[in-house]
Protein backbone atom coordinates (compact mmCIF):
# COMPACT_ATOMS: atom_id res chain seq x y z
CA MET A 1 -0.15 -0.21 -0.09
CA THR A 2 1.29 3.26 -0.87
CA ALA A 3 1.93 6.08 1.43
CA LEU A 4 -0.80 7.95 -0.04
CA ALA A 5 -3.47 4.99 -0.39
CA GLY A 6 -2.21 4.41 3.61
CA SER A 7 -2.87 8.40 4.52
CA PHE A 8 -6.42 7.77 2.18
CA LEU A 9 -7.97 4.94 4.26
CA PHE A 10 -6.82 6.90 7.49
CA ASN A 11 -8.64 9.96 7.07
CA ILE A 12 -11.99 7.51 6.00
CA TYR A 13 -11.36 5.41 9.38
CA ILE A 14 -11.08 8.66 11.30
CA LYS A 15 -14.46 10.33 9.36
CA LEU A 16 -16.61 6.93 9.96
CA SER A 17 -15.31 7.17 13.69
CA TYR A 18 -16.65 10.28 14.06
CA ASP A 19 -19.55 9.97 12.35
CA PHE A 20 -20.30 7.06 14.64
CA ARG A 21 -20.19 8.42 18.02
CA VAL A 22 -23.31 10.22 17.88
CA ILE A 23 -23.22 11.28 22.15
CA GLU A 24 -20.37 10.23 24.33
CA PHE A 25 -19.98 11.17 28.12
CA LYS A 26 -16.57 10.36 29.58
CA ASN A 27 -16.02 10.14 33.43
CA ILE A 28 -19.32 13.27 34.16
CA TYR A 29 -20.02 14.51 37.09
CA LYS A 30 -23.37 17.19 37.90
CA THR A 31 -22.94 19.00 40.70
CA TYR A 32 -25.63 21.14 42.03
CA PRO A 33 -25.25 24.03 45.09
CA GLY A 34 -25.58 22.06 48.00
CA PRO A 35 -23.55 19.77 47.24
CA THR A 36 -26.28 17.93 45.21
CA HIS A 37 -24.29 15.39 43.04
CA VAL A 38 -26.84 14.26 40.06
CA LEU A 39 -24.62 12.19 37.99
CA ARG A 40 -21.04 10.83 39.57
CA ASP A 41 -18.18 9.19 37.01
CA MET A 42 -21.03 8.90 34.48
CA SER A 43 -19.38 7.20 30.88
CA PHE A 44 -21.22 5.82 28.06
CA LYS A 45 -21.74 6.14 24.26
CA ILE A 46 -24.68 6.23 21.70
CA ASN A 47 -23.76 5.37 18.40
CA SER A 48 -25.05 6.29 14.92
CA GLY A 49 -28.52 4.98 13.78
CA GLU A 50 -29.31 2.99 17.69
CA PHE A 51 -32.33 3.31 19.84
CA VAL A 52 -31.94 3.81 22.98
CA PHE A 53 -34.00 3.30 26.19
CA LEU A 54 -33.01 5.17 29.51
CA MET A 55 -34.51 4.28 32.47
CA GLY A 56 -34.16 4.99 36.27
CA PRO A 57 -36.05 5.92 39.31
CA SER A 58 -37.25 9.53 39.74
CA GLY A 59 -34.55 11.48 40.28
CA ALA A 60 -31.75 9.49 39.11
CA GLY A 61 -30.57 11.69 36.49
CA LYS A 62 -32.38 11.47 33.21
CA THR A 63 -33.51 14.63 33.10
CA THR A 64 -30.37 16.16 33.76
CA ILE A 65 -28.75 13.99 31.17
CA PHE A 66 -31.00 15.90 28.14
CA ASN A 67 -30.41 19.10 29.69
CA LEU A 68 -26.80 18.38 29.11
CA ILE A 69 -27.08 16.84 25.82
CA SER A 70 -29.07 19.97 24.41
CA ALA A 71 -26.50 22.73 26.45
CA TYR A 72 -29.07 23.81 28.66
CA GLU A 73 -26.78 22.53 31.42
CA LYS A 74 -23.28 22.38 31.84
CA ILE A 75 -21.01 19.69 33.01
CA SER A 76 -19.80 19.93 36.13
CA ALA A 77 -16.63 18.14 35.43
CA GLY A 78 -15.67 15.38 32.87
CA GLN A 79 -16.14 15.41 28.82
CA LEU A 80 -19.26 15.49 26.86
CA LEU A 81 -19.71 15.18 23.20
CA VAL A 82 -22.39 15.57 20.86
CA ASP A 83 -22.48 14.53 17.60
CA GLY A 84 -18.42 14.67 17.77
CA LYS A 85 -18.22 18.40 19.56
CA GLU A 86 -17.34 18.72 23.19
CA LEU A 87 -19.67 20.83 24.34
CA LYS A 88 -18.05 23.01 27.29
CA SER A 89 -15.82 24.69 24.39
CA LEU A 90 -18.66 25.73 22.03
CA SER A 91 -19.39 29.37 21.40
CA SER A 92 -22.88 30.49 22.23
CA SER A 93 -23.46 30.92 18.53
CA SER A 94 -22.48 26.96 18.32
CA VAL A 95 -24.68 25.81 20.92
CA ALA A 96 -27.87 27.61 18.91
CA LYS A 97 -26.67 26.25 16.09
CA LEU A 98 -26.80 22.78 18.00
CA ARG A 99 -30.14 22.93 19.30
CA ARG A 100 -31.29 23.10 15.84
CA SER A 101 -29.92 20.23 14.90
CA LEU A 102 -31.33 18.08 17.61
CA GLY A 103 -35.02 16.52 17.13
CA ILE A 104 -36.00 17.06 21.23
CA ILE A 105 -39.50 15.73 22.32
CA TYR A 106 -40.91 16.94 25.66
CA GLN A 107 -43.61 14.70 27.91
CA ASP A 108 -45.71 18.06 28.21
CA PHE A 109 -45.79 18.05 24.23
CA LYS A 110 -45.13 22.42 24.60
CA LEU A 111 -47.10 23.30 21.85
CA LEU A 112 -47.93 26.55 21.07
CA PRO A 113 -52.11 26.84 21.62
CA ASP A 114 -52.96 29.74 19.30
CA ARG A 115 -50.83 27.84 16.22
CA THR A 116 -52.64 25.11 14.21
CA VAL A 117 -50.59 21.25 14.14
CA TYR A 118 -49.63 22.75 10.70
CA GLU A 119 -48.20 26.01 12.15
CA ASN A 120 -46.32 24.03 15.18
CA ILE A 121 -44.93 21.93 13.28
CA GLU A 122 -43.59 24.73 10.86
CA LEU A 123 -42.50 26.67 13.60
CA THR A 124 -38.99 24.14 13.86
CA LEU A 125 -38.26 25.17 9.97
CA ASP A 126 -38.76 28.52 10.84
CA ILE A 127 -36.19 28.40 13.49
CA CYS A 128 -34.06 26.83 11.43
CA GLY A 129 -34.03 29.27 9.02
CA LEU A 130 -35.62 27.38 6.25
CA ASN A 131 -37.38 30.65 4.14
CA LYS A 132 -38.91 29.37 1.06
CA ASP A 133 -42.33 28.44 1.22
CA THR A 134 -42.46 26.00 -1.43
CA ASP A 135 -39.74 23.69 0.27
CA LYS A 136 -41.41 24.15 4.44
CA ALA A 137 -45.02 22.87 2.75
CA THR A 138 -43.70 20.07 1.00
CA MET A 139 -41.83 19.23 4.18
CA VAL A 140 -44.54 20.11 6.63
CA ASP A 141 -47.22 18.45 4.52
CA GLY A 142 -44.99 15.19 4.26
CA ILE A 143 -44.32 14.56 8.19
CA ILE A 144 -48.19 15.15 9.26
CA LYS A 145 -48.96 12.71 6.02
CA GLU A 146 -46.14 10.42 7.80
CA LEU A 147 -47.95 10.96 11.41
CA SER A 148 -51.38 9.93 10.49
CA LEU A 149 -52.60 13.84 11.17
CA THR A 150 -53.73 15.20 7.48
CA HIS A 151 -57.47 15.40 8.99
CA ARG A 152 -55.95 17.51 11.82
CA LYS A 153 -53.25 20.27 10.36
CA ASN A 154 -55.70 22.95 10.69
CA HIS A 155 -56.66 22.02 14.51
CA TYR A 156 -55.19 23.59 17.58
CA PRO A 157 -53.84 21.75 19.93
CA GLU A 158 -57.00 21.80 22.43
CA GLN A 159 -58.72 20.16 19.51
CA LEU A 160 -56.49 17.19 19.73
CA SER A 161 -56.35 14.17 22.29
CA GLY A 162 -53.16 13.31 24.01
CA GLY A 163 -51.38 11.15 21.45
CA GLU A 164 -52.69 13.60 18.91
CA LYS A 165 -50.77 16.04 20.69
CA GLN A 166 -47.72 13.79 21.23
CA ARG A 167 -47.31 12.99 17.80
CA VAL A 168 -47.69 16.46 16.54
CA ALA A 169 -44.65 16.92 19.19
CA ILE A 170 -42.32 14.24 17.14
CA GLY A 171 -43.49 15.88 13.66
CA ARG A 172 -42.02 18.90 15.09
CA ALA A 173 -39.14 17.48 16.22
CA LEU A 174 -38.90 15.03 13.01
CA VAL A 175 -39.26 17.83 10.32
CA HIS A 176 -36.29 19.23 9.63
CA GLU A 177 -34.48 15.63 9.50
CA PRO A 178 -32.21 15.69 12.76
CA LYS A 179 -29.58 13.22 13.41
CA LEU A 180 -30.23 12.99 16.48
CA ILE A 181 -33.73 12.37 18.75
CA ILE A 182 -33.72 12.81 22.47
CA ALA A 183 -37.47 11.97 24.18
CA ASP A 184 -38.11 12.98 27.60
CA GLU A 185 -40.82 10.15 28.87
CA PRO A 186 -43.12 11.22 25.65
CA THR A 187 -45.50 8.20 26.54
CA GLY A 188 -45.59 9.86 30.32
CA ASN A 189 -49.11 10.86 29.92
CA LEU A 190 -50.37 8.39 27.68
CA ASP A 191 -51.85 4.46 28.35
CA SER A 192 -50.02 1.19 27.68
CA GLU A 193 -52.00 1.33 24.10
CA LEU A 194 -50.88 4.85 22.95
CA SER A 195 -47.35 4.36 24.44
CA ARG A 196 -46.62 1.72 22.07
CA ASP A 197 -48.20 3.57 19.35
CA ILE A 198 -45.60 6.33 20.20
CA ILE A 199 -42.39 4.27 20.79
CA THR A 200 -43.47 1.87 17.23
CA LEU A 201 -43.60 5.61 15.73
CA LEU A 202 -40.56 6.45 16.60
CA LYS A 203 -38.26 3.16 15.40
CA GLN A 204 -40.03 3.77 12.25
CA PHE A 205 -37.87 6.84 12.10
CA ASN A 206 -34.98 4.61 13.60
CA LYS A 207 -35.23 2.52 11.15
CA LYS A 208 -34.37 5.27 8.50
CA GLY A 209 -31.08 6.04 10.23
CA THR A 210 -32.39 8.70 13.01
CA THR A 211 -30.67 7.92 16.96
CA VAL A 212 -33.33 8.09 19.00
CA PHE A 213 -32.92 8.60 22.77
CA VAL A 214 -35.80 8.41 25.01
CA ALA A 215 -36.34 7.99 28.92
CA THR A 216 -39.22 6.26 30.21
CA HIS A 217 -40.03 4.69 33.53
CA ASP A 218 -42.56 1.76 31.20
CA ARG A 219 -39.87 -1.51 31.48
CA SER A 220 -42.49 -3.21 29.03
CA LEU A 221 -41.48 -0.47 26.20
CA VAL A 222 -38.13 -1.56 26.67
CA ASN A 223 -39.06 -5.31 26.02
CA LEU A 224 -39.69 -3.93 22.03
CA GLU A 225 -37.15 -5.61 19.31
CA GLY A 226 -34.28 -3.58 18.57
CA SER A 227 -33.55 -1.78 21.44
CA ARG A 228 -30.93 -0.99 24.09
CA LEU A 229 -31.26 -0.71 27.73
CA LEU A 230 -29.33 2.14 29.44
CA GLU A 231 -29.82 2.10 33.41
CA ILE A 232 -28.97 4.74 35.72
CA LYS A 233 -29.48 4.80 39.77
CA GLU A 234 -28.35 7.76 42.01
CA GLY A 235 -26.76 9.37 39.30
CA GLU A 236 -24.39 6.55 37.87
CA VAL A 237 -24.76 4.16 35.35
CA VAL A 238 -26.19 0.82 36.77
CA LEU A 239 -26.95 -1.49 33.48
């Protein structure tokens, strides 16, 4: 093998390695005044294309983990990489860009009550700076159709069921085709049948290549095929 060929293959390996790790926690600590140690020496990786469940009792640190990944909170010690970027070294503008590249789903939906289903989902594209109306319409209508919400596109959140609201929240998180979706207890307000429907829906998008990281308290959901479980207790990984 020539030196040039070797260098070329090495660069490909580096790029693949960079792309493969979507989230990496390295000896992370998160401490609040008191002191309260929410996370203690936490290390784990989530690779591109994985579907990972995060489980743990209330107060174990699940929401803190998601807040750290989305850079709404900063680590106290350790190293946190998201999409190959070390978060503590990012500028404010880079943090904003990172957040726009994520799909974030909340337990309480966080839909705007004065906007329709279409407008709630379209808002993500506005925030991401997509200004062409024809492109936006194609993307929003496409995700609405995929979520079986076409008949609801002009309805307001108060006119929707809990399951429909969660589908809108998923559509808002997915419409800009993010590499990574993080979902903090997205089925916490739904019954068991609707919960399975929501997870099945997320798995369909995962099969297209989107990495999905979901916090849940429902162990029955974790048994669905093709999932990995990351379990935490008292701020430490136990599984």
